[in-house]
PDB file of N, CA and C in Angstrom:
ATOM      1  N   UNK A   1      20.627 -12.731  10.687  1.00  0.00           N
ATOM      2  CA  UNK A   1      19.096 -11.896  10.455  1.00  0.00           C
ATOM      3  C   UNK A   1      18.065 -11.911  12.074  1.00  0.00           C
ATOM      4  N   UNK A   2      17.523 -10.881  12.591  1.00  0.00           N
ATOM      5  CA  UNK A   2      16.661 -11.457  12.918  1.00  0.00           C
ATOM      6  C   UNK A   2      15.176 -11.853  12.980  1.00  0.00           C
ATOM      7  N   UNK A   3      14.706 -12.544  14.303  1.00  0.00           N
ATOM      8  CA  UNK A   3      13.502 -13.040  14.176  1.00  0.00           C
ATOM      9  C   UNK A   3      12.454 -12.272  14.501  1.00  0.00           C
ATOM     10  N   UNK A   4      11.389 -12.314  13.610  1.00  0.00           N
ATOM     11  CA  UNK A   4      10.328 -11.230  13.329  1.00  0.00           C
ATOM     12  C   UNK A   4       8.701 -11.813  14.666  1.00  0.00           C
ATOM     13  N   UNK A   5       8.924 -13.093  14.474  1.00  0.00           N
ATOM     14  CA  UNK A   5       8.345 -13.818  14.747  1.00  0.00           C
ATOM     15  C   UNK A   5       8.169 -13.876  16.199  1.00  0.00           C
ATOM     16  N   UNK A   6       8.899 -13.303  17.192  1.00  0.00           N
ATOM     17  CA  UNK A   6       8.718 -13.538  18.847  1.00  0.00           C
ATOM     18  C   UNK A   6       7.615 -13.017  18.999  1.00  0.00           C
ATOM     19  N   UNK A   7       7.406 -13.005  20.236  1.00  0.00           N
ATOM     20  CA  UNK A   7       6.553 -12.401  21.375  1.00  0.00           C
ATOM     21  C   UNK A   7       6.882 -11.084  21.843  1.00  0.00           C
ATOM     22  N   UNK A   8       7.826 -10.635  21.583  1.00  0.00           N
ATOM     23  CA  UNK A   8       8.410  -9.395  21.410  1.00  0.00           C
ATOM     24  C   UNK A   8       7.654  -8.376  20.615  1.00  0.00           C
ATOM     25  N   UNK A   9       7.465  -9.143  19.221  1.00  0.00           N
ATOM     26  CA  UNK A   9       6.893  -8.409  18.263  1.00  0.00           C
ATOM     27  C   UNK A   9       5.487  -9.007  18.146  1.00  0.00           C
ATOM     28  N   UNK A  10       5.251  -8.063  18.924  1.00  0.00           N
ATOM     29  CA  UNK A  10       3.393  -8.679  18.719  1.00  0.00           C
ATOM     30  C   UNK A  10       2.505  -7.718  17.651  1.00  0.00           C
ATOM     31  N   UNK A  11       1.683  -8.496  16.663  1.00  0.00           N
ATOM     32  CA  UNK A  11       1.089  -7.632  16.040  1.00  0.00           C
ATOM     33  C   UNK A  11      -0.476  -7.679  16.239  1.00  0.00           C
ATOM     34  N   UNK A  12      -0.976  -6.825  17.271  1.00  0.00           N
ATOM     35  CA  UNK A  12      -2.703  -7.337  17.558  1.00  0.00           C
ATOM     36  C   UNK A  12      -3.675  -6.303  16.368  1.00  0.00           C
ATOM     37  N   UNK A  13      -3.224  -5.948  15.305  1.00  0.00           N
ATOM     38  CA  UNK A  13      -3.864  -5.736  14.391  1.00  0.00           C
ATOM     39  C   UNK A  13      -3.585  -6.431  13.240  1.00  0.00           C
ATOM     40  N   UNK A  14      -3.322  -7.932  13.031  1.00  0.00           N
ATOM     41  CA  UNK A  14      -2.785  -8.345  12.071  1.00  0.00           C
ATOM     42  C   UNK A  14      -4.264  -9.767  12.090  1.00  0.00           C
ATOM     43  N   UNK A  15      -4.264  -9.981  11.134  1.00  0.00           N
ATOM     44  CA  UNK A  15      -5.338 -10.827  10.552  1.00  0.00           C
ATOM     45  C   UNK A  15      -4.589 -12.483  10.372  1.00  0.00           C
ATOM     46  N   UNK A  16      -5.470 -13.575  10.605  1.00  0.00           N
ATOM     47  CA  UNK A  16      -5.153 -14.912  10.801  1.00  0.00           C
ATOM     48  C   UNK A  16      -6.128 -15.676   9.284  1.00  0.00           C
ATOM     49  N   UNK A  17      -5.679 -16.470   8.535  1.00  0.00           N
ATOM     50  CA  UNK A  17      -6.488 -16.568   7.333  1.00  0.00           C
ATOM     51  C   UNK A  17      -5.628 -17.811   7.115  1.00  0.00           C
ATOM     52  N   UNK A  18      -6.674 -18.975   6.945  1.00  0.00           N
ATOM     53  CA  UNK A  18      -6.125 -20.017   5.586  1.00  0.00           C
ATOM     54  C   UNK A  18      -6.578 -19.939   4.544  1.00  0.00           C
ATOM     55  N   UNK A  19      -5.703 -21.132   3.649  1.00  0.00           N
ATOM     56  CA  UNK A  19      -6.271 -20.715   2.629  1.00  0.00           C
ATOM     57  C   UNK A  19      -5.886 -21.745   1.791  1.00  0.00           C
ATOM     58  N   UNK A  20      -6.838 -22.645   1.461  1.00  0.00           N
ATOM     59  CA  UNK A  20      -6.749 -24.429   0.801  1.00  0.00           C
ATOM     60  C   UNK A  20      -6.819 -24.116  -0.511  1.00  0.00           C
ATOM     61  N   UNK A  21      -5.918 -24.837  -1.316  1.00  0.00           N
ATOM     62  CA  UNK A  21      -6.070 -24.993  -2.656  1.00  0.00           C
ATOM     63  C   UNK A  21      -6.183 -26.405  -3.106  1.00  0.00           C
ATOM     64  N   UNK A  22      -7.053 -26.747  -4.166  1.00  0.00           N
ATOM     65  CA  UNK A  22      -7.102 -28.330  -4.540  1.00  0.00           C
ATOM     66  C   UNK A  22      -7.864 -28.254  -6.387  1.00  0.00           C
ATOM     67  N   UNK A  23      -7.502 -29.341  -6.465  1.00  0.00           N
ATOM     68  CA  UNK A  23      -8.327 -29.445  -7.656  1.00  0.00           C
ATOM     69  C   UNK A  23      -9.157 -30.808  -7.499  1.00  0.00           C
ATOM     70  N   UNK A  24     -10.398 -30.790  -8.380  1.00  0.00           N
ATOM     71  CA  UNK A  24     -11.197 -31.872  -8.141  1.00  0.00           C
ATOM     72  C   UNK A  24     -10.603 -32.768  -9.119  1.00  0.00           C
ATOM     73  N   UNK A  25     -11.364 -33.807  -9.312  1.00  0.00           N
ATOM     74  CA  UNK A  25     -10.435 -35.295  -9.884  1.00  0.00           C
ATOM     75  C   UNK A  25     -10.898 -34.883 -11.153  1.00  0.00           C
ATOM     76  N   UNK A  26     -12.129 -34.405 -11.669  1.00  0.00           N
ATOM     77  CA  UNK A  26     -12.288 -34.283 -12.835  1.00  0.00           C
ATOM     78  C   UNK A  26     -11.528 -32.996 -13.942  1.00  0.00           C
ATOM     79  N   UNK A  27     -10.949 -32.145 -12.775  1.00  0.00           N
ATOM     80  CA  UNK A  27     -10.348 -31.174 -13.356  1.00  0.00           C
ATOM     81  C   UNK A  27      -9.007 -31.405 -13.864  1.00  0.00           C
ATOM     82  N   UNK A  28      -8.435 -30.705 -14.880  1.00  0.00           N
ATOM     83  CA  UNK A  28      -7.023 -31.335 -16.115  1.00  0.00           C
ATOM     84  C   UNK A  28      -6.599 -29.990 -15.670  1.00  0.00           C
ATOM     85  N   UNK A  29      -4.975 -29.897 -15.498  1.00  0.00           N
ATOM     86  CA  UNK A  29      -4.058 -29.327 -15.069  1.00  0.00           C
ATOM     87  C   UNK A  29      -3.948 -27.621 -15.604  1.00  0.00           C
ATOM     88  N   UNK A  30      -4.802 -27.515 -17.007  1.00  0.00           N
ATOM     89  CA  UNK A  30      -5.093 -26.349 -16.929  1.00  0.00           C
ATOM     90  C   UNK A  30      -6.209 -25.401 -16.797  1.00  0.00           C
ATOM     91  N   UNK A  31      -7.396 -26.464 -15.642  1.00  0.00           N
ATOM     92  CA  UNK A  31      -8.828 -25.760 -15.205  1.00  0.00           C
ATOM     93  C   UNK A  31      -7.844 -24.910 -14.132  1.00  0.00           C
ATOM     94  N   UNK A  32      -8.974 -24.289 -13.369  1.00  0.00           N
ATOM     95  CA  UNK A  32      -8.699 -23.208 -12.240  1.00  0.00           C
ATOM     96  C   UNK A  32      -8.792 -24.385 -11.171  1.00  0.00           C
ATOM     97  N   UNK A  33      -7.995 -23.659  -9.852  1.00  0.00           N
ATOM     98  CA  UNK A  33      -8.027 -24.712  -8.656  1.00  0.00           C
ATOM     99  C   UNK A  33      -9.425 -24.281  -8.014  1.00  0.00           C
ATOM    100  N   UNK A  34     -10.667 -24.732  -6.973  1.00  0.00           N
ATOM    101  CA  UNK A  34     -11.058 -24.728  -6.160  1.00  0.00           C
ATOM    102  C   UNK A  34     -10.573 -23.918  -4.788  1.00  0.00           C
ATOM    103  N   UNK A  35     -10.751 -22.936  -3.981  1.00  0.00           N
ATOM    104  CA  UNK A  35     -10.174 -22.136  -3.237  1.00  0.00           C
ATOM    105  C   UNK A  35     -11.206 -21.754  -2.323  1.00  0.00           C
ATOM    106  N   UNK A  36     -10.104 -22.223  -0.932  1.00  0.00           N
ATOM    107  CA  UNK A  36     -11.007 -21.760   0.213  1.00  0.00           C
ATOM    108  C   UNK A  36     -10.429 -20.845   1.263  1.00  0.00           C
ATOM    109  N   UNK A  37     -11.316 -19.542   1.487  1.00  0.00           N
ATOM    110  CA  UNK A  37     -10.291 -19.008   2.588  1.00  0.00           C
ATOM    111  C   UNK A  37     -10.912 -18.673   3.913  1.00  0.00           C
ATOM    112  N   UNK A  38     -10.430 -19.321   5.277  1.00  0.00           N
ATOM    113  CA  UNK A  38     -11.057 -19.307   6.565  1.00  0.00           C
ATOM    114  C   UNK A  38     -10.385 -18.045   6.758  1.00  0.00           C
ATOM    115  N   UNK A  39     -11.260 -16.576   7.542  1.00  0.00           N
ATOM    116  CA  UNK A  39     -10.442 -16.205   8.477  1.00  0.00           C
ATOM    117  C   UNK A  39     -10.848 -16.429   9.794  1.00  0.00           C
ATOM    118  N   UNK A  40      -9.931 -16.786  10.485  1.00  0.00           N
ATOM    119  CA  UNK A  40      -9.987 -18.051  11.674  1.00  0.00           C
ATOM    120  C   UNK A  40     -10.690 -17.292  13.119  1.00  0.00           C
ATOM    121  N   UNK A  41     -10.428 -16.262  13.029  1.00  0.00           N
ATOM    122  CA  UNK A  41     -10.982 -15.449  14.560  1.00  0.00           C
ATOM    123  C   UNK A  41     -12.303 -15.159  14.406  1.00  0.00           C
ATOM    124  N   UNK A  42     -12.933 -14.520  13.553  1.00  0.00           N
ATOM    125  CA  UNK A  42     -14.659 -14.977  13.179  1.00  0.00           C
ATOM    126  C   UNK A  42     -14.853 -16.359  12.398  1.00  0.00           C
ATOM    127  N   UNK A  43     -14.392 -17.125  12.483  1.00  0.00           N
ATOM    128  CA  UNK A  43     -14.480 -18.455  11.707  1.00  0.00           C
ATOM    129  C   UNK A  43     -15.328 -18.664  10.402  1.00  0.00           C
ATOM    130  N   UNK A  44     -15.249 -17.507  10.066  1.00  0.00           N
ATOM    131  CA  UNK A  44     -15.815 -17.418   8.391  1.00  0.00           C
ATOM    132  C   UNK A  44     -14.918 -18.077   7.564  1.00  0.00           C
ATOM    133  N   UNK A  45     -15.957 -18.335   6.467  1.00  0.00           N
ATOM    134  CA  UNK A  45     -15.432 -19.342   5.234  1.00  0.00           C
ATOM    135  C   UNK A  45     -15.918 -19.026   4.157  1.00  0.00           C
ATOM    136  N   UNK A  46     -14.995 -18.785   3.279  1.00  0.00           N
ATOM    137  CA  UNK A  46     -15.635 -18.077   2.039  1.00  0.00           C
ATOM    138  C   UNK A  46     -14.788 -19.243   0.716  1.00  0.00           C
ATOM    139  N   UNK A  47     -15.598 -19.477  -0.569  1.00  0.00           N
ATOM    140  CA  UNK A  47     -14.961 -19.981  -1.143  1.00  0.00           C
ATOM    141  C   UNK A  47     -15.003 -19.292  -2.878  1.00  0.00           C
ATOM    142  N   UNK A  48     -13.892 -19.805  -3.538  1.00  0.00           N
ATOM    143  CA  UNK A  48     -13.985 -18.832  -4.459  1.00  0.00           C
ATOM    144  C   UNK A  48     -13.583 -20.260  -5.708  1.00  0.00           C
ATOM    145  N   UNK A  49     -13.755 -19.489  -6.811  1.00  0.00           N
ATOM    146  CA  UNK A  49     -13.297 -20.299  -8.251  1.00  0.00           C
ATOM    147  C   UNK A  49     -12.321 -19.058  -9.083  1.00  0.00           C
ATOM    148  N   UNK A  50     -12.048 -18.016  -8.782  1.00  0.00           N
ATOM    149  CA  UNK A  50     -10.838 -17.577  -9.407  1.00  0.00           C
ATOM    150  C   UNK A  50     -10.347 -16.513  -8.691  1.00  0.00           C
ATOM    151  N   UNK A  51      -8.665 -16.486  -8.659  1.00  0.00           N
ATOM    152  CA  UNK A  51      -8.054 -15.679  -8.003  1.00  0.00           C
ATOM    153  C   UNK A  51      -8.227 -14.080  -7.683  1.00  0.00           C
ATOM    154  N   UNK A  52      -8.662 -13.264  -8.571  1.00  0.00           N
ATOM    155  CA  UNK A  52      -9.384 -11.979  -8.190  1.00  0.00           C
ATOM    156  C   UNK A  52     -10.446 -12.195  -7.130  1.00  0.00           C
ATOM    157  N   UNK A  53     -11.240 -12.192  -7.106  1.00  0.00           N
ATOM    158  CA  UNK A  53     -12.309 -12.203  -5.951  1.00  0.00           C
ATOM    159  C   UNK A  53     -11.877 -12.370  -4.561  1.00  0.00           C
ATOM    160  N   UNK A  54     -10.698 -14.154  -4.595  1.00  0.00           N
ATOM    161  CA  UNK A  54     -10.295 -14.192  -3.401  1.00  0.00           C
ATOM    162  C   UNK A  54      -8.673 -13.053  -3.028  1.00  0.00           C
ATOM    163  N   UNK A  55      -8.604 -12.401  -3.902  1.00  0.00           N
ATOM    164  CA  UNK A  55      -7.593 -11.426  -4.164  1.00  0.00           C
ATOM    165  C   UNK A  55      -8.356 -10.303  -3.115  1.00  0.00           C
ATOM    166  N   UNK A  56      -9.472 -10.120  -3.457  1.00  0.00           N
ATOM    167  CA  UNK A  56     -10.582  -8.970  -3.419  1.00  0.00           C
ATOM    168  C   UNK A  56     -10.482  -8.903  -2.223  1.00  0.00           C
ATOM    169  N   UNK A  57     -11.183 -10.163  -1.861  1.00  0.00           N
ATOM    170  CA  UNK A  57     -11.699 -10.384  -0.174  1.00  0.00           C
ATOM    171  C   UNK A  57     -10.393 -10.494   0.772  1.00  0.00           C
ATOM    172  N   UNK A  58      -9.439 -10.636   0.794  1.00  0.00           N
ATOM    173  CA  UNK A  58      -8.549 -10.415   1.430  1.00  0.00           C
ATOM    174  C   UNK A  58      -8.201  -9.128   1.606  1.00  0.00           C
ATOM    175  N   UNK A  59      -7.693  -8.300   0.495  1.00  0.00           N
ATOM    176  CA  UNK A  59      -7.659  -6.960   0.706  1.00  0.00           C
ATOM    177  C   UNK A  59      -8.853  -6.078   1.393  1.00  0.00           C
ATOM    178  N   UNK A  60     -10.004  -6.683   1.368  1.00  0.00           N
ATOM    179  CA  UNK A  60     -11.129  -5.615   1.907  1.00  0.00           C
ATOM    180  C   UNK A  60     -10.963  -6.244   3.668  1.00  0.00           C
ATOM    181  N   UNK A  61     -10.780  -7.587   3.492  1.00  0.00           N
ATOM    182  CA  UNK A  61     -10.407  -7.842   5.134  1.00  0.00           C
ATOM    183  C   UNK A  61      -9.322  -6.795   6.089  1.00  0.00           C
ATOM    184  N   UNK A  62      -8.051  -6.501   4.998  1.00  0.00           N
ATOM    185  CA  UNK A  62      -6.532  -5.305   6.024  1.00  0.00           C
ATOM    186  C   UNK A  62      -7.473  -4.767   5.494  1.00  0.00           C
ATOM    187  N   UNK A  63      -8.126  -3.932   5.053  1.00  0.00           N
ATOM    188  CA  UNK A  63      -8.296  -2.584   4.654  1.00  0.00           C
ATOM    189  C   UNK A  63      -9.591  -2.119   6.075  1.00  0.00           C
ATOM    190  N   UNK A  64     -10.791  -3.166   5.978  1.00  0.00           N
ATOM    191  CA  UNK A  64     -11.156  -3.023   6.964  1.00  0.00           C
ATOM    192  C   UNK A  64     -10.804  -2.998   8.797  1.00  0.00           C
ATOM    193  N   UNK A  65      -9.340  -3.108   9.135  1.00  0.00           N
ATOM    194  CA  UNK A  65      -9.017  -3.570   9.857  1.00  0.00           C
ATOM    195  C   UNK A  65      -9.033  -2.066  10.635  1.00  0.00           C
ATOM    196  N   UNK A  66      -9.462  -2.479  12.393  1.00  0.00           N
ATOM    197  CA  UNK A  66      -9.239  -0.826  12.841  1.00  0.00           C
ATOM    198  C   UNK A  66      -7.901  -0.293  13.406  1.00  0.00           C
ATOM    199  N   UNK A  67      -7.587   0.691  13.344  1.00  0.00           N
ATOM    200  CA  UNK A  67      -6.154   0.729  13.823  1.00  0.00           C
ATOM    201  C   UNK A  67      -5.832   2.131  14.701  1.00  0.00           C
ATOM    202  N   UNK A  68      -5.287   2.109  15.489  1.00  0.00           N
ATOM    203  CA  UNK A  68      -5.377   3.565  16.619  1.00  0.00           C
ATOM    204  C   UNK A  68      -4.445   4.592  15.478  1.00  0.00           C
ATOM    205  N   UNK A  69      -4.978   5.799  16.250  1.00  0.00           N
ATOM    206  CA  UNK A  69      -3.965   6.884  15.020  1.00  0.00           C
ATOM    207  C   UNK A  69      -2.980   7.069  16.403  1.00  0.00           C
ATOM    208  N   UNK A  70      -1.919   8.136  15.875  1.00  0.00           N
ATOM    209  CA  UNK A  70      -1.102   8.431  16.738  1.00  0.00           C
ATOM    210  C   UNK A  70      -1.808   8.975  18.272  1.00  0.00           C
ATOM    211  N   UNK A  71      -3.082   9.213  18.124  1.00  0.00           N
ATOM    212  CA  UNK A  71      -3.614   9.803  19.832  1.00  0.00           C
ATOM    213  C   UNK A  71      -4.534   9.055  20.064  1.00  0.00           C
ATOM    214  N   UNK A  72      -4.519   7.712  20.041  1.00  0.00           N
ATOM    215  CA  UNK A  72      -5.036   6.757  20.322  1.00  0.00           C
ATOM    216  C   UNK A  72      -6.812   5.912  20.182  1.00  0.00           C
ATOM    217  N   UNK A  73      -6.986   6.734  19.322  1.00  0.00           N
ATOM    218  CA  UNK A  73      -8.436   6.493  18.785  1.00  0.00           C
ATOM    219  C   UNK A  73      -8.262   6.157  17.298  1.00  0.00           C
ATOM    220  N   UNK A  74      -9.275   4.963  17.477  1.00  0.00           N
ATOM    221  CA  UNK A  74      -9.486   4.082  16.051  1.00  0.00           C
ATOM    222  C   UNK A  74      -9.699   4.510  15.240  1.00  0.00           C
ATOM    223  N   UNK A  75      -9.218   4.629  13.928  1.00  0.00           N
ATOM    224  CA  UNK A  75      -9.878   4.610  12.921  1.00  0.00           C
ATOM    225  C   UNK A  75     -10.051   3.602  11.953  1.00  0.00           C
ATOM    226  N   UNK A  76     -10.707   3.832  10.853  1.00  0.00           N
ATOM    227  CA  UNK A  76     -10.694   2.625   9.203  1.00  0.00           C
ATOM    228  C   UNK A  76     -12.116   1.658  10.194  1.00  0.00           C
ATOM    229  N   UNK A  77     -12.279   0.900   9.731  1.00  0.00           N
ATOM    230  CA  UNK A  77     -12.854  -0.487  10.193  1.00  0.00           C
ATOM    231  C   UNK A  77     -13.911  -0.214   9.035  1.00  0.00           C
ATOM    232  N   UNK A  78     -15.500  -0.573   9.514  1.00  0.00           N
ATOM    233  CA  UNK A  78     -16.747  -1.144   8.874  1.00  0.00           C
ATOM    234  C   UNK A  78     -17.452  -0.089   9.575  1.00  0.00           C
TER     235      UNK A  78
END
């Protein structure tokens, strides 16, 4: 299987996020975890207490990527 993570497979339109999940000491196994997403390059941090808003945030960031079209013009974005 080829390695797709090497320097030859540059992904200039990718985004880097870190996601932290944890439970508070008072939480039971059935309680939702605390969630924090950090968008690394702009150093933007958001906290969530439910999965749907976290997923919507990540998908929104993906949708806002500016991608070059076939003619080299940038499309998408805010």
